[in-house]
Protein backbone atom coordinates (compact mmCIF):
# COMPACT_ATOMS: atom_id res chain seq x y z
CA MET A 1 51.56 44.41 210.00
CA ALA A 2 55.15 43.58 209.07
CA ASP A 3 55.72 42.48 205.50
CA ALA A 4 59.49 42.12 205.77
CA GLY A 5 62.08 40.97 208.23
CA VAL A 6 65.71 40.33 208.91
CA PHE A 7 66.66 36.93 210.31
CA ILE A 8 69.95 36.83 212.20
CA GLY A 9 71.06 33.29 212.99
CA TRP A 10 74.20 31.95 214.59
CA GLY A 11 75.87 28.72 215.54
CA ALA A 12 78.08 27.75 218.44
CA PRO A 13 80.19 30.33 220.25
CA ILE A 14 83.86 30.40 219.30
CA HIS A 15 85.80 28.59 222.02
CA GLY A 16 87.19 31.09 224.51
CA ARG A 17 84.85 33.88 223.33
CA GLU A 18 81.71 32.75 225.19
CA THR A 19 81.65 35.63 227.70
CA VAL A 20 82.21 38.25 225.02
CA GLY A 21 79.51 36.52 222.97
CA LEU A 22 76.99 37.07 225.76
CA ASP A 23 77.93 40.75 225.86
CA VAL A 24 77.42 41.11 222.10
CA PHE A 25 74.08 39.27 222.31
CA ASN A 26 72.92 41.67 225.01
CA GLU A 27 74.09 44.65 222.91
CA ALA A 28 72.04 43.34 219.98
CA LEU A 29 68.92 42.91 222.11
CA ALA A 30 69.34 46.40 223.57
CA LEU A 31 69.68 47.90 220.08
CA GLN A 32 66.56 46.11 218.85
CA GLY A 33 64.66 47.35 221.91
CA ARG A 34 65.72 50.95 221.24
CA LEU A 35 64.82 50.65 217.56
CA GLN A 36 61.40 49.24 218.44
CA ASP A 37 60.76 52.00 221.00
CA ALA A 38 61.72 54.60 218.37
CA GLY A 39 59.38 53.04 215.79
CA GLU A 40 62.29 52.16 213.48
CA ILE A 41 61.27 48.48 213.52
CA GLU A 42 57.89 46.96 214.30
CA SER A 43 59.07 44.20 216.63
CA PHE A 44 61.68 41.54 217.22
CA GLU A 45 61.93 38.13 218.81
CA ALA A 46 65.03 36.31 220.04
CA SER A 47 65.33 32.58 220.53
CA LEU A 48 68.03 30.28 221.87
CA LEU A 49 67.65 26.76 220.51
CA GLY A 50 68.26 23.56 222.40
CA PRO A 51 70.67 20.90 221.16
CA HIS A 52 69.33 19.38 217.94
CA GLY A 53 72.30 18.21 215.90
CA GLY A 54 72.22 21.16 213.51
CA GLY A 55 74.35 24.26 213.24
CA LEU A 56 71.76 26.85 214.27
CA GLY A 57 72.12 27.80 217.94
CA GLY A 58 69.77 30.74 218.05
CA PHE A 59 68.26 33.60 216.13
CA ILE A 60 66.72 37.04 216.23
CA LEU A 61 63.83 37.78 213.87
CA ILE A 62 63.28 41.49 213.33
CA ARG A 63 59.95 42.56 211.78
CA GLY A 64 58.92 45.71 209.94
CA SER A 65 58.29 47.24 206.56
CA GLU A 66 60.64 46.88 203.58
CA GLU A 67 61.72 50.47 204.17
CA GLN A 68 62.44 49.82 207.85
CA MET A 69 64.49 46.72 207.03
CA THR A 70 66.50 48.60 204.38
CA ALA A 71 67.24 51.36 206.90
CA LEU A 72 68.10 48.79 209.57
CA LYS A 73 70.70 47.08 207.39
CA ALA A 74 72.32 50.49 206.74
CA ASN A 75 72.33 51.42 210.46
CA ASP A 76 75.93 51.86 211.63
CA GLU A 77 75.30 50.33 215.06
CA PHE A 78 73.53 47.32 213.51
CA GLU A 79 76.50 46.77 211.19
CA ARG A 80 78.99 47.17 214.07
CA ILE A 81 77.18 44.65 216.29
CA ASN A 82 77.00 42.13 213.44
CA ALA A 83 80.72 42.58 212.78
CA ARG A 84 81.41 41.96 216.48
CA ALA A 85 79.09 38.94 216.47
CA SER A 86 80.97 37.43 213.53
CA LEU A 87 84.07 37.39 215.74
CA VAL A 88 82.46 35.49 218.62
CA VAL A 89 80.12 32.92 216.99
CA GLU A 90 80.32 30.41 214.19
CA GLU A 91 78.12 30.68 211.12
CA LEU A 92 76.60 34.13 211.62
CA GLY A 93 73.97 34.81 208.98
CA VAL A 94 71.97 37.97 208.35
CA VAL A 95 69.20 37.13 205.88
CA ASP A 96 66.24 39.03 204.43
CA ALA A 97 62.91 37.43 205.34
CA ALA A 98 59.52 37.73 203.67
CA LEU A 99 56.66 37.98 206.18
CA GLY A 100 52.91 38.56 205.97
CA GLU A 101 51.94 40.19 202.67
CA GLY A 102 55.61 40.18 201.69
CA MET A 103 55.50 36.39 201.75
CA ALA A 104 52.68 36.34 199.23
CA GLU A 105 54.71 38.60 196.94
CA ALA A 106 57.82 36.41 197.34
CA LEU A 107 55.77 33.32 196.45
CA GLU A 108 54.48 35.06 193.32
CA VAL A 109 58.06 35.79 192.23
CA TYR A 110 59.01 32.17 192.92
CA ARG A 111 55.95 30.88 191.02
CA ALA A 112 56.87 33.05 188.01
CA ALA A 113 60.43 31.67 188.08
CA VAL A 114 59.10 28.10 188.24
CA ASP A 115 56.77 28.79 185.32
CA ASP A 116 59.64 30.34 183.30
CA LEU A 117 61.69 27.17 183.71
CA ALA A 118 58.86 24.67 183.22
């Protein structure tokens, strides 16, 4: 079971770059599919959000081990697609995510920090 993840979120497309944005999105999904088939990530899920008044328009959540997520973030194609995405959408974010057992560990670190400052 995945204990780590990478959350990739984005806002609205940059005006005039919508078509290219769709191409980059499809490239990202294809890469995640290849990585999953190769066992380099456990799984991924993509979501497009409906209008809600916030800045987040959609996201991809990639799941795997800490080691898989570290390797993913160093993958040249992953870096290239994220660089391309940053040119076609507003507010691109690539964020580490704690999942499963990793979430319990992250909460322990947070609890220790709270106790240190209490």
